[in-house]
Each structure stands twice: as structure tokens, then as C-alpha cells.
Amino acid sequence: MREFFTRTKNEKGYATLYTRIRKRNPKVDIFVNSLIQVDIIAWKKAKSGLDEWNKFLKTKDGKEIHSKMQGVDNAIDSLTEQGIFEKSLIDEAVANVIYKEERELQRIKEEEERKAQEEQIRIEAEKEAARKADVILFLQNYLEGMRNGSIKYGGETYGKNTCKVWSNFLGILKRFHAVNPFTWNDINKTLTDRFLCFMEEEGYMVKSINKYLICFRAMVGYAYEQGMHENTIALKSFSKKKVQESDKAKEIYLTGAELQALYEMKLEGSKETVRDVFLVGCYTCQRFSDYSHLERENFTTTAKGTRIVRIVQEKTGNSVVIPILNDNLLHIAEKYDYEIPKVNDVVLNRNIKQILRELSETVPSLARQERTVLTMKERSKEERGEVSYIRDAKGYVVKPRYELVSSHTARRSGITNLYLTGLFDSFQMMSVSGHKDEKTFNEYIKLSSDEIADAIAKKLEERNKNKSSNEGLF
């Protein structure tokens, strides 16, 4: 350890210890103030000989001073070993050693004061929110309970997608409440109609409007059950809008031939991965949250040896057993050693459109224009002049089919193609898809009126082939 010394002529009192940094090439000679205070008499006595020094080190003050000297020495060595001899940096390093405890105590004190201030602000904000917006505060707390699992549905924790819907609803309700303040007792048919009009003015599609009306109705019911209000009229004040086909963005399915062409398409790298994950969804009839997370343990067999995919659906918690509907699924699974690659849904949605656009050069049906409805985001972009959408002679927005494909198209395609085989009843198909409600299941069968008419005509043709005459159906 380097030498430490005082630079005072005083014979008593306190003095500061210094040390010295010296170097020949390049020449360095720096006196460093260690900031260590010592009793002058005690220090001189300690430095008078080895025995006195050892005695000094056994004292409380001696131990503390020696510890600080070592800390300063180490700090200086750390800098000089790096070739750093700037006095300002050396002084700063010394100060960090000597004032370490004081600075830490100050930091802790400031942190505690900051937290106390933040806590006070939070409490005041909550009081103000509770005073001004009982409904909003209730919904915020309810959403937090859904997220952290303290509030459950039928004993089950709410899924991420459900929490996301409620989070969106909270945002809409906050904006509505800002211009239409209300309490639980103010909720009636007039208010809910006003809320519906508010969402229409914001550009929400009918399907989304109905979804958030359901949230509003459920919230009112939850609050009633918890004794937040006694407004029974509010419970009867909600009615959904009827959804017309013209109100919805076009939802398509890919035909069996299109899926096979996609399967046979030569791709590499990330495009190949995206294509394969999308096809897994088509061949299993599942949601993206399920088909994009299949692992080896999901691929198994029944007691009779039937090869299946066994999963617990993330959204519903339903156990679903899916027989292998197409050998292409097994070939894809084998390619990845039964560990389906993890792909972000945003990445998949963007890339699958590009892949199908390229495929449309050899599969023209993918480029066929379909009437659709712009989403709220798309309308906003068009209004700002950022994009322009093609319209037909009647003013309807049209898009090529490949532009209408998303991660959820896989589930619709699987269910629709399963239905088109004509081999299975609804119970069997719903067992594969995981649906519990036939009405919801039927919404996934994306056949046009023309396709249904063609299917009926085909069955009539097959019937007539088996009859000796050409008599009609009735």
C-alpha cells in the first residue's frame, strides 16, 4: 500500500491524510487528498515505529482509518493500472470511497422521500378518481383483478385475449365518460344508445360495437352483484346491433387446392417457417395461440393407435383431440422434429400475405377481388391520405383474396374444408375445433351463397344419377 502522510505544521488537532502518485515515464507527480481525517498526535505516535503502528491498527479509529486508506489505495490503483492519471477522476474515485456510506444513506433517504411523495400522489389521485368516476374506478379495479387472477370466471383465470378486450373497452369508456359523465344510477337505454352512437362516430365496426356492448352489460351486472348499485333498469338497457354481411370485413377461407399449392410451394428461410406454421393451423382447425405453440408432447396416439394432436386451448381451457386430417401436417411436424417453430402473429400476418401474393401468379383464385369493409385503422389512414384503396363500380372497397388472409384464416379454412367433405356431423367437427356452441361454430364455415348453391346442385346431380327418371326433388 502506498504511503499516506499529513501536510500540516500543526502539532495537535485534526489533519487530512495525503498520498502521492509518482511515475517516471511519462513523468507524473500528483498529491492526492485522501479526505481521511486523523488526530495529529495519534497519527504521529502511530507512525513512530512498527510496534506503535500495530497497536494503532488494533484500535477502533485505527481500523477505520486503515480501511479507508486501503479503499483509497485500491481506487487509485484501479485507475492507474488503466493508464488514468487525470486528477479530477482520481479525486472523484477517492470521494466515492470516503463518502460511500453518506451517499448511500442520502440516496436511500431521497428514494424513501420520492416513494412517499409518489404514494401520496397516488392516494390523492385515487380519491379524486373515486369522487369523479365511480364507474371508471370500478372497471379499472375489475380489470386489474382479471389480470392478476384474483377475479375469475367460473373458477378459471381470464385469458390474455379476454383481458385485452376489456382493456380496450376501458379505453373507450374513459373517452365516452369524459364527454358524457355518468354514475351507476344514470345508466339507462338512452345512455347505452348514446354509447353505441359514440362508438359508431369513432369508426368501430358493428362486430366490435356489439363486443363492447356485451362488456358494458357484463360490467353493470358484476357491479350489481357486488352491491355497487341497485339500478335494475340498467341491466335491461342493452341491445346489440344486427350484423349484416355488408358491415363486416370479408372473412375468407382457402380451399383444399389452394392449401395444397401453398404446401408444395418452394420457399426458404423465414417464409418457409411462416408458411408451415400457417398450414399447421389449417390442418388442425385451431386458433393461432394454439397452433403456433405445438410441441412434441402434443403429437400422440389414442389407445387404438389413431394419430392425434392433443391440446388444451389457451383461450377457453377446453381439452381438444384432433385426429390427423391431412398427412401434410405430419410431414411438417417431422420437418421440425415435432417442435413447431414459434412465430409472432404480427410477423405471420405480414408474411403470409406476401407469400400468397407470390403464389397467386400460379394460383389465380388467390388474386380474385373480394368486396370488403375497411377497418377503423384503414379508414383513418385513407382519410389522412396515407393510403388509397381500390373500389368497384358501386363504390365498395375490393381487395385480392391474398390480402384478406390472416393468422385466423387458418382456423376458418380448416373448419370450412372439414365441413365440405360432408363426412362428419356437427358434433364431430365441433369436437375437433373445440366449439361448445353450434351457432358460433357455424360462423366459421365461410361458404358463399354461390358455393352453397353449387353444393346443393351437386347433390341433386348425384341423386338423379341413381334414379331411372329425371323427376325433380319435389
Protein backbone atom coordinates (compact mmCIF):
# COMPACT_ATOMS: atom_id res chain seq x y z
CA MET A 1 0.00 0.00 0.00
CA ARG A 2 1.30 3.48 -0.85
CA GLU A 3 2.46 5.93 1.81
CA PHE A 4 -0.06 8.27 3.48
CA PHE A 5 1.04 11.46 5.26
CA THR A 6 -0.15 14.80 6.60
CA ARG A 7 0.84 18.16 5.15
CA THR A 8 0.35 20.34 8.21
CA LYS A 9 2.71 22.05 10.64
CA ASN A 10 0.16 21.90 13.44
CA GLU A 11 1.10 19.77 16.43
CA LYS A 12 -2.41 18.92 17.52
CA GLY A 13 -5.98 18.88 16.30
CA TYR A 14 -7.01 17.12 13.10
CA ALA A 15 -5.37 16.92 9.71
CA THR A 16 -6.09 15.38 6.34
CA LEU A 17 -4.02 12.48 5.01
CA TYR A 18 -2.48 12.75 1.56
CA THR A 19 -0.80 10.25 -0.69
CA ARG A 20 1.33 10.68 -3.76
CA ILE A 21 1.28 9.24 -7.27
CA ARG A 22 4.66 9.28 -8.98
CA LYS A 23 5.73 7.95 -12.36
CA ARG A 24 8.93 8.50 -14.33
CA ASN A 25 7.83 7.98 -17.94
CA PRO A 26 5.79 9.87 -18.72
CA LYS A 27 6.51 11.98 -15.68
CA VAL A 28 3.68 12.06 -13.15
CA ASP A 29 3.77 13.60 -9.69
CA ILE A 30 0.37 14.12 -8.09
CA PHE A 31 -0.53 14.84 -4.48
CA VAL A 32 -3.88 13.26 -3.70
CA ASN A 33 -6.12 14.46 -0.89
CA SER A 34 -7.46 11.22 0.64
CA LEU A 35 -10.19 13.10 2.55
CA ILE A 36 -9.28 10.94 5.59
CA GLN A 37 -9.20 12.94 8.83
CA VAL A 38 -6.80 11.86 11.61
CA ASP A 39 -5.91 13.08 15.09
CA ILE A 40 -2.45 14.62 14.58
CA ILE A 41 -0.98 13.42 17.88
CA ALA A 42 -2.36 9.87 17.49
CA TRP A 43 -1.17 9.71 13.89
CA LYS A 44 2.39 10.86 14.69
CA LYS A 45 2.60 8.34 17.52
CA ALA A 46 1.34 5.54 15.25
CA LYS A 47 3.93 6.42 12.62
CA SER A 48 6.81 6.49 15.13
CA GLY A 49 7.52 2.80 14.83
CA LEU A 50 6.20 -0.62 13.79
CA ASP A 51 5.02 -1.56 17.27
CA GLU A 52 3.10 1.68 17.64
CA TRP A 53 1.56 1.18 14.18
CA ASN A 54 0.40 -2.31 15.05
CA LYS A 55 -1.10 -1.01 18.31
CA PHE A 56 -2.86 1.73 16.33
CA LEU A 57 -4.37 -0.81 13.93
CA LYS A 58 -5.99 -2.61 16.87
CA THR A 59 -7.90 0.50 17.94
CA LYS A 60 -11.36 1.35 16.62
CA ASP A 61 -10.14 4.56 14.98
CA GLY A 62 -7.07 2.83 13.62
CA LYS A 63 -9.10 0.06 12.00
CA GLU A 64 -11.46 2.57 10.41
CA ILE A 65 -8.63 4.81 9.12
CA HIS A 66 -6.67 1.85 7.75
CA SER A 67 -9.77 0.50 5.98
CA LYS A 68 -10.29 3.87 4.30
CA MET A 69 -6.60 4.03 3.34
CA GLN A 70 -6.88 0.62 1.69
CA GLY A 71 -10.03 1.71 -0.13
CA VAL A 72 -8.35 4.86 -1.43
CA ASP A 73 -5.23 2.90 -2.39
CA ASN A 74 -7.29 0.33 -4.33
CA ALA A 75 -9.28 3.04 -6.09
CA ILE A 76 -6.10 4.82 -7.20
CA ASP A 77 -4.50 1.54 -8.33
CA SER A 78 -7.61 0.69 -10.34
CA LEU A 79 -7.27 3.93 -12.30
CA THR A 80 -3.50 3.99 -12.73
CA GLU A 81 -3.46 0.38 -13.93
CA GLN A 82 -5.73 1.59 -16.75
CA GLY A 83 -3.34 4.43 -17.50
CA ILE A 84 -5.67 7.03 -16.00
CA PHE A 85 -3.85 9.85 -14.19
CA GLU A 86 -6.34 12.73 -14.51
CA LYS A 87 -6.52 14.36 -11.09
CA SER A 88 -10.24 15.10 -11.35
CA LEU A 89 -11.01 11.42 -11.96
CA ILE A 90 -8.70 10.36 -9.13
CA ASP A 91 -10.34 12.84 -6.73
CA GLU A 92 -13.78 11.59 -7.75
CA ALA A 93 -12.76 7.96 -7.15
CA VAL A 94 -11.40 8.87 -3.71
CA ALA A 95 -14.60 10.73 -2.81
CA ASN A 96 -16.67 7.70 -3.85
CA VAL A 97 -14.70 5.59 -1.36
CA ILE A 98 -14.74 8.02 1.58
CA TYR A 99 -18.31 9.23 1.20
CA LYS A 100 -19.78 5.89 0.13
CA GLU A 101 -21.86 5.39 3.28
CA GLU A 102 -23.01 9.01 3.45
CA ARG A 103 -24.02 8.98 -0.20
CA GLU A 104 -25.84 5.67 0.16
CA LEU A 105 -27.74 6.99 3.18
CA GLN A 106 -28.60 10.12 1.22
CA ARG A 107 -29.74 8.03 -1.75
CA ILE A 108 -31.92 5.87 0.49
CA LYS A 109 -33.39 8.95 2.13
CA GLU A 110 -34.16 10.55 -1.24
CA GLU A 111 -35.63 7.29 -2.54
CA GLU A 112 -37.88 6.99 0.51
CA GLU A 113 -38.98 10.59 0.12
CA ARG A 114 -39.67 10.03 -3.58
CA LYS A 115 -41.71 6.89 -2.87
CA ALA A 116 -43.62 8.64 -0.10
CA GLN A 117 -44.38 11.51 -2.45
CA GLU A 118 -45.46 9.15 -5.23
CA GLU A 119 -47.63 7.20 -2.79
CA GLN A 120 -49.28 10.41 -1.61
CA ILE A 121 -49.91 11.47 -5.22
CA ARG A 122 -51.36 8.03 -6.00
CA ILE A 123 -53.67 8.11 -2.98
CA GLU A 124 -54.88 11.60 -3.85
CA ALA A 125 -55.40 10.58 -7.47
CA GLU A 126 -57.42 7.53 -6.43
CA LYS A 127 -59.56 9.62 -4.11
CA GLU A 128 -60.19 12.10 -6.89
CA ALA A 129 -60.98 9.33 -9.38
CA ALA A 130 -63.34 7.69 -6.90
CA ARG A 131 -65.12 11.00 -6.35
CA LYS A 132 -65.47 11.86 -10.02
CA ALA A 133 -65.88 8.47 -11.70
CA ASP A 134 -67.19 5.59 -9.66
CA VAL A 135 -67.84 3.51 -12.78
CA ILE A 136 -64.37 4.03 -14.23
CA LEU A 137 -62.68 3.23 -10.93
CA PHE A 138 -64.71 0.05 -10.60
CA LEU A 139 -63.78 -1.06 -14.11
CA GLN A 140 -60.09 -0.29 -13.54
CA ASN A 141 -60.06 -2.37 -10.37
CA TYR A 142 -62.05 -5.14 -12.01
CA LEU A 143 -59.66 -5.30 -14.96
CA GLU A 144 -56.69 -5.43 -12.60
CA GLY A 145 -58.33 -8.36 -10.80
CA MET A 146 -58.87 -10.16 -14.10
CA ARG A 147 -55.21 -9.67 -14.97
CA ASN A 148 -53.70 -10.77 -11.66
CA GLY A 149 -56.07 -13.72 -11.27
CA SER A 150 -57.86 -12.51 -8.15
CA ILE A 151 -61.10 -12.30 -10.16
CA LYS A 152 -62.03 -15.46 -12.02
CA TYR A 153 -64.71 -16.70 -14.40
CA GLY A 154 -66.27 -19.99 -13.37
CA GLY A 155 -63.22 -20.75 -11.28
CA GLU A 156 -60.87 -20.15 -14.22
CA THR A 157 -58.38 -17.32 -14.73
CA TYR A 158 -59.21 -14.91 -17.53
CA GLY A 159 -57.09 -15.36 -20.67
CA LYS A 160 -54.85 -12.70 -22.21
CA ASN A 161 -57.21 -12.12 -25.14
CA THR A 162 -60.18 -11.54 -22.83
CA CYS A 163 -58.15 -9.10 -20.73
CA LYS A 164 -57.14 -7.29 -23.91
CA VAL A 165 -60.79 -6.88 -24.95
CA TRP A 166 -61.67 -5.48 -21.53
CA SER A 167 -58.65 -3.18 -21.62
CA ASN A 168 -59.86 -1.81 -24.97
CA PHE A 169 -63.35 -1.39 -23.50
CA LEU A 170 -61.89 0.57 -20.59
CA GLY A 171 -60.19 2.94 -23.02
CA ILE A 172 -63.42 3.52 -24.95
CA LEU A 173 -65.48 4.00 -21.79
CA LYS A 174 -62.97 6.53 -20.44
CA ARG A 175 -63.26 8.61 -23.62
CA PHE A 176 -67.06 8.37 -23.54
CA HIS A 177 -67.17 9.26 -19.84
CA ALA A 178 -65.04 12.35 -20.47
CA VAL A 179 -67.76 13.85 -22.67
CA ASN A 180 -70.76 12.08 -21.08
CA PRO A 181 -70.12 11.83 -17.30
CA PHE A 182 -72.41 9.31 -15.61
CA THR A 183 -72.83 7.24 -12.47
CA TRP A 184 -74.34 3.80 -11.99
CA ASN A 185 -77.76 5.33 -11.44
CA ASP A 186 -77.60 7.21 -14.76
CA ILE A 187 -77.31 4.04 -16.87
CA ASN A 188 -80.45 3.51 -18.95
CA LYS A 189 -81.42 2.84 -22.57
CA THR A 190 -80.78 6.46 -23.52
CA LEU A 191 -77.23 6.32 -22.18
CA THR A 192 -76.38 2.97 -23.79
CA ASP A 193 -77.75 4.21 -27.14
CA ARG A 194 -75.54 7.27 -26.75
CA PHE A 195 -72.57 4.97 -26.07
CA LEU A 196 -73.40 2.97 -29.21
CA CYS A 197 -73.51 6.17 -31.29
CA PHE A 198 -70.21 7.26 -29.73
CA MET A 199 -68.52 4.06 -30.94
CA GLU A 200 -70.05 4.48 -34.40
CA GLU A 201 -68.68 8.02 -34.57
CA GLU A 202 -65.24 6.71 -33.59
CA GLY A 203 -65.41 4.34 -36.54
CA TYR A 204 -65.84 0.97 -34.83
CA MET A 205 -67.30 -1.85 -36.93
CA VAL A 206 -70.62 -3.39 -35.90
CA LYS A 207 -68.97 -6.58 -34.68
CA SER A 208 -66.67 -4.59 -32.37
CA ILE A 209 -69.55 -2.39 -31.18
CA ASN A 210 -71.52 -5.46 -30.13
CA LYS A 211 -68.46 -6.88 -28.37
CA TYR A 212 -68.04 -3.75 -26.23
CA LEU A 213 -71.78 -3.51 -25.53
CA ILE A 214 -71.50 -7.03 -24.11
CA CYS A 215 -68.62 -5.82 -21.91
CA PHE A 216 -70.71 -2.85 -20.73
CA ARG A 217 -73.65 -5.11 -19.89
CA ALA A 218 -71.40 -7.57 -18.07
CA MET A 219 -69.74 -4.76 -16.09
CA VAL A 220 -73.13 -3.46 -14.95
CA GLY A 221 -74.06 -6.99 -13.86
CA TYR A 222 -70.80 -7.54 -11.97
CA ALA A 223 -71.21 -4.21 -10.17
CA TYR A 224 -74.82 -5.08 -9.25
CA GLU A 225 -73.72 -8.42 -7.79
CA GLN A 226 -71.09 -6.64 -5.67
CA GLY A 227 -73.60 -4.15 -4.28
CA MET A 228 -72.18 -1.17 -6.15
CA HIS A 229 -75.64 -0.09 -7.31
CA GLU A 230 -79.31 -1.08 -7.29
CA ASN A 231 -80.15 0.08 -10.79
CA THR A 232 -82.12 -2.87 -12.15
CA ILE A 233 -83.17 -0.79 -15.18
CA ALA A 234 -79.53 -0.67 -16.26
CA LEU A 235 -79.46 -4.45 -16.59
CA LYS A 236 -82.21 -4.28 -19.24
CA SER A 237 -80.82 -1.32 -21.18
CA PHE A 238 -78.59 -3.09 -23.68
CA SER A 239 -79.40 -4.34 -27.17
CA LYS A 240 -76.87 -5.39 -29.79
CA LYS A 241 -76.87 -4.17 -33.36
CA LYS A 242 -77.77 -6.68 -36.04
CA VAL A 243 -74.67 -7.54 -38.03
CA GLN A 244 -75.18 -7.51 -41.80
CA GLU A 245 -72.62 -9.06 -44.13
CA SER A 246 -72.02 -5.59 -45.55
CA ASP A 247 -70.96 -4.42 -42.06
CA LYS A 248 -68.14 -6.95 -41.76
CA ALA A 249 -64.68 -7.14 -43.26
CA LYS A 250 -64.60 -10.06 -45.67
CA GLU A 251 -63.61 -13.30 -43.97
CA ILE A 252 -62.40 -15.89 -46.46
CA TYR A 253 -61.15 -19.46 -46.34
CA LEU A 254 -58.53 -21.12 -48.50
CA THR A 255 -59.72 -24.11 -50.50
CA GLY A 256 -58.14 -27.52 -50.29
CA ALA A 257 -56.48 -26.98 -53.67
CA GLU A 258 -55.08 -23.62 -52.57
CA LEU A 259 -53.72 -25.13 -49.37
CA GLN A 260 -52.06 -27.95 -51.30
CA ALA A 261 -50.47 -25.45 -53.69
CA LEU A 262 -49.22 -23.49 -50.70
CA TYR A 263 -47.81 -26.67 -49.17
CA GLU A 264 -45.97 -27.55 -52.40
CA MET A 265 -44.62 -24.01 -52.91
CA LYS A 266 -40.82 -23.80 -52.87
CA LEU A 267 -39.81 -21.49 -50.03
CA GLU A 268 -36.79 -20.95 -47.82
CA GLY A 269 -35.89 -19.31 -44.53
CA SER A 270 -38.46 -17.34 -42.59
CA LYS A 271 -41.03 -17.54 -45.40
CA GLU A 272 -40.93 -21.33 -45.27
CA THR A 273 -41.38 -21.23 -41.49
CA VAL A 274 -44.34 -18.83 -41.70
CA ARG A 275 -45.98 -20.96 -44.41
CA ASP A 276 -45.54 -24.14 -42.38
CA VAL A 277 -46.92 -22.66 -39.14
CA PHE A 278 -49.93 -21.25 -41.03
CA LEU A 279 -50.63 -24.67 -42.60
CA VAL A 280 -50.46 -26.30 -39.16
CA GLY A 281 -53.36 -24.01 -38.23
CA CYS A 282 -55.27 -25.03 -41.36
CA TYR A 283 -54.77 -28.74 -40.71
CA THR A 284 -55.70 -28.55 -37.00
CA CYS A 285 -58.58 -26.01 -37.18
CA GLN A 286 -57.16 -24.18 -34.14
CA ARG A 287 -56.54 -20.60 -33.09
CA PHE A 288 -53.12 -19.01 -33.60
CA SER A 289 -52.45 -19.09 -29.84
CA ASP A 290 -52.73 -22.88 -30.00
CA TYR A 291 -51.38 -23.92 -33.40
CA SER A 292 -48.27 -21.76 -33.07
CA HIS A 293 -47.23 -23.43 -29.80
CA LEU A 294 -47.46 -27.13 -30.63
CA GLU A 295 -44.67 -29.29 -29.22
CA ARG A 296 -43.67 -32.95 -29.31
CA GLU A 297 -45.90 -33.81 -26.34
CA ASN A 298 -48.97 -32.63 -28.30
CA PHE A 299 -48.45 -35.24 -31.02
CA THR A 300 -49.60 -38.61 -29.72
CA THR A 301 -51.97 -41.54 -30.40
CA THR A 302 -55.22 -42.89 -28.99
CA ALA A 303 -55.48 -46.27 -27.30
CA LYS A 304 -56.44 -47.72 -30.69
CA GLY A 305 -53.40 -46.20 -32.37
CA THR A 306 -55.07 -43.25 -34.11
CA ARG A 307 -52.55 -40.46 -34.56
CA ILE A 308 -53.83 -37.26 -32.97
CA VAL A 309 -52.89 -33.82 -31.73
CA ARG A 310 -53.96 -33.32 -28.12
CA ILE A 311 -54.09 -29.78 -26.69
CA VAL A 312 -55.71 -27.61 -24.03
CA GLN A 313 -56.92 -24.46 -25.78
CA GLU A 314 -55.37 -21.32 -24.33
CA LYS A 315 -58.45 -19.12 -24.77
CA THR A 316 -61.09 -21.46 -23.35
CA GLY A 317 -59.17 -24.08 -21.39
CA ASN A 318 -61.03 -26.77 -23.35
CA SER A 319 -59.27 -30.09 -23.93
CA VAL A 320 -59.33 -30.89 -27.64
CA VAL A 321 -58.30 -34.03 -29.52
CA ILE A 322 -57.64 -33.51 -33.23
CA PRO A 323 -57.19 -36.53 -35.50
CA ILE A 324 -54.59 -36.09 -38.24
CA LEU A 325 -56.81 -34.71 -41.01
CA ASN A 326 -54.04 -34.39 -43.61
CA ASP A 327 -50.69 -36.18 -43.83
CA ASN A 328 -49.13 -32.84 -44.73
CA LEU A 329 -49.43 -31.97 -41.03
CA LEU A 330 -47.23 -34.93 -40.10
CA HIS A 331 -44.67 -34.06 -42.78
CA ILE A 332 -44.44 -30.50 -41.42
CA ALA A 333 -44.16 -31.74 -37.83
CA GLU A 334 -41.43 -34.22 -38.79
CA LYS A 335 -39.50 -31.43 -40.53
CA TYR A 336 -39.20 -29.62 -37.19
CA ASP A 337 -38.82 -32.75 -35.04
CA TYR A 338 -42.37 -32.16 -33.76
CA GLU A 339 -41.44 -28.77 -32.25
CA ILE A 340 -43.47 -26.30 -34.32
CA PRO A 341 -41.45 -23.05 -34.67
CA LYS A 342 -42.56 -20.05 -32.60
CA VAL A 343 -43.68 -17.21 -34.88
CA ASN A 344 -45.03 -13.82 -33.82
CA ASP A 345 -48.59 -13.28 -35.11
CA VAL A 346 -47.68 -9.84 -36.50
CA VAL A 347 -44.83 -11.41 -38.47
CA LEU A 348 -47.09 -14.20 -39.70
CA ASN A 349 -49.87 -11.84 -40.77
CA ARG A 350 -47.46 -9.69 -42.74
CA ASN A 351 -45.55 -12.52 -44.42
CA ILE A 352 -48.42 -14.88 -45.27
CA LYS A 353 -49.99 -12.15 -47.42
CA GLN A 354 -46.73 -11.71 -49.32
CA ILE A 355 -46.32 -15.47 -49.76
CA LEU A 356 -49.87 -15.87 -51.10
CA ARG A 357 -49.41 -12.87 -53.39
CA GLU A 358 -46.45 -14.68 -54.97
CA LEU A 359 -48.44 -17.91 -55.14
CA SER A 360 -51.32 -16.09 -56.88
CA GLU A 361 -49.16 -15.91 -60.02
CA THR A 362 -49.75 -19.65 -60.47
CA VAL A 363 -53.00 -19.93 -58.45
CA PRO A 364 -55.20 -17.13 -59.88
CA SER A 365 -58.03 -17.71 -57.41
CA LEU A 366 -55.86 -16.12 -54.72
CA ALA A 367 -55.83 -12.84 -56.66
CA ARG A 368 -59.62 -12.74 -57.14
CA GLN A 369 -61.04 -9.43 -55.89
CA GLU A 370 -63.50 -9.58 -52.98
CA ARG A 371 -65.69 -6.86 -51.55
CA THR A 372 -64.78 -5.96 -48.01
CA VAL A 373 -65.07 -3.24 -45.37
CA LEU A 374 -62.18 -1.13 -44.15
CA THR A 375 -61.20 -1.37 -40.52
CA MET A 376 -61.13 1.74 -38.33
CA LYS A 377 -57.32 1.97 -38.75
CA GLU A 378 -57.57 1.63 -42.52
CA ARG A 379 -60.26 4.30 -42.75
CA SER A 380 -58.15 6.67 -40.65
CA LYS A 381 -55.11 6.10 -42.88
CA GLU A 382 -57.16 6.73 -46.02
CA GLU A 383 -58.67 9.90 -44.53
CA ARG A 384 -55.16 11.16 -43.77
CA GLY A 385 -54.13 10.44 -47.36
CA GLU A 386 -51.54 7.84 -46.33
CA VAL A 387 -53.10 5.07 -48.46
CA SER A 388 -55.77 4.67 -51.12
CA TYR A 389 -57.95 1.58 -51.52
CA ILE A 390 -59.41 0.24 -54.76
CA ARG A 391 -63.19 0.42 -55.14
CA ASP A 392 -65.51 -1.27 -57.62
CA ALA A 393 -68.11 0.41 -59.84
CA LYS A 394 -70.58 0.56 -56.94
CA GLY A 395 -68.08 2.14 -54.56
CA TYR A 396 -67.34 -0.95 -52.50
CA VAL A 397 -63.77 -1.48 -51.33
CA VAL A 398 -62.24 -4.53 -53.00
CA LYS A 399 -59.09 -6.44 -52.14
CA PRO A 400 -57.41 -9.50 -53.64
CA ARG A 401 -58.06 -12.62 -51.59
CA TYR A 402 -54.42 -12.91 -50.54
CA GLU A 403 -54.75 -9.51 -48.82
CA LEU A 404 -57.65 -10.83 -46.73
CA VAL A 405 -55.66 -13.68 -45.20
CA SER A 406 -54.51 -13.51 -41.57
CA SER A 407 -53.49 -15.93 -38.85
CA HIS A 408 -57.17 -16.64 -38.08
CA THR A 409 -57.87 -17.58 -41.72
CA ALA A 410 -56.13 -20.86 -40.90
CA ARG A 411 -58.85 -21.84 -38.40
CA ARG A 412 -61.65 -20.80 -40.77
CA SER A 413 -60.04 -22.71 -43.64
CA GLY A 414 -59.66 -25.87 -41.60
CA ILE A 415 -63.25 -25.84 -40.34
CA THR A 416 -64.75 -24.95 -43.73
CA ASN A 417 -62.81 -27.65 -45.59
CA LEU A 418 -63.74 -30.17 -42.90
CA TYR A 419 -67.39 -29.27 -43.45
CA LEU A 420 -67.04 -29.54 -47.23
CA THR A 421 -66.01 -33.19 -47.01
CA GLY A 422 -69.59 -33.98 -45.99
CA LEU A 423 -68.24 -36.83 -43.88
CA PHE A 424 -68.82 -35.51 -40.38
CA ASP A 425 -71.72 -34.23 -38.32
CA SER A 426 -71.58 -31.01 -36.31
CA PHE A 427 -70.81 -32.81 -33.07
CA GLN A 428 -67.72 -34.43 -34.58
CA MET A 429 -66.49 -31.25 -36.21
CA MET A 430 -67.05 -29.20 -33.04
CA SER A 431 -65.05 -31.80 -31.14
CA VAL A 432 -62.12 -31.01 -33.43
CA SER A 433 -62.49 -27.21 -33.34
CA GLY A 434 -63.25 -27.06 -29.62
CA HIS A 435 -66.51 -25.12 -30.02
CA LYS A 436 -69.26 -25.67 -27.46
CA ASP A 437 -71.86 -23.54 -29.24
CA GLU A 438 -73.09 -24.61 -32.69
CA LYS A 439 -74.09 -21.06 -33.66
CA THR A 440 -70.53 -19.82 -33.10
CA PHE A 441 -69.14 -22.86 -34.89
CA ASN A 442 -71.31 -22.20 -37.94
CA GLU A 443 -69.87 -18.69 -38.23
CA TYR A 444 -66.54 -20.31 -39.12
CA ILE A 445 -67.95 -22.05 -42.17
CA LYS A 446 -67.16 -19.42 -44.79
CA LEU A 447 -69.13 -20.58 -47.82
CA SER A 448 -70.65 -18.03 -50.17
CA SER A 449 -74.25 -18.38 -51.32
CA ASP A 450 -72.96 -19.48 -54.72
CA GLU A 451 -70.83 -22.20 -53.14
CA ILE A 452 -73.80 -23.47 -51.14
CA ALA A 453 -75.96 -23.49 -54.28
CA ASP A 454 -73.25 -25.41 -56.15
CA ALA A 455 -73.08 -27.96 -53.34
CA ILE A 456 -76.86 -28.46 -53.42
CA ALA A 457 -76.83 -28.84 -57.20
CA LYS A 458 -74.04 -31.40 -56.98
CA LYS A 459 -76.00 -33.50 -54.51
CA LEU A 460 -79.07 -33.33 -56.75
CA GLU A 461 -76.97 -34.41 -59.71
CA GLU A 462 -75.62 -37.38 -57.76
CA ARG A 463 -79.15 -38.27 -56.64
CA ASN A 464 -80.50 -38.16 -60.18
CA LYS A 465 -77.73 -40.43 -61.43
CA ASN A 466 -79.06 -43.11 -59.13
CA LYS A 467 -82.67 -42.73 -60.36
CA SER A 468 -84.15 -44.09 -63.56
CA SER A 469 -86.03 -40.88 -64.31
CA ASN A 470 -85.21 -37.15 -64.20
CA GLU A 471 -88.01 -36.26 -61.80
CA GLY A 472 -87.46 -33.21 -59.59
CA LEU A 473 -86.76 -33.13 -55.89
CA PHE A 474 -90.45 -32.46 -55.15
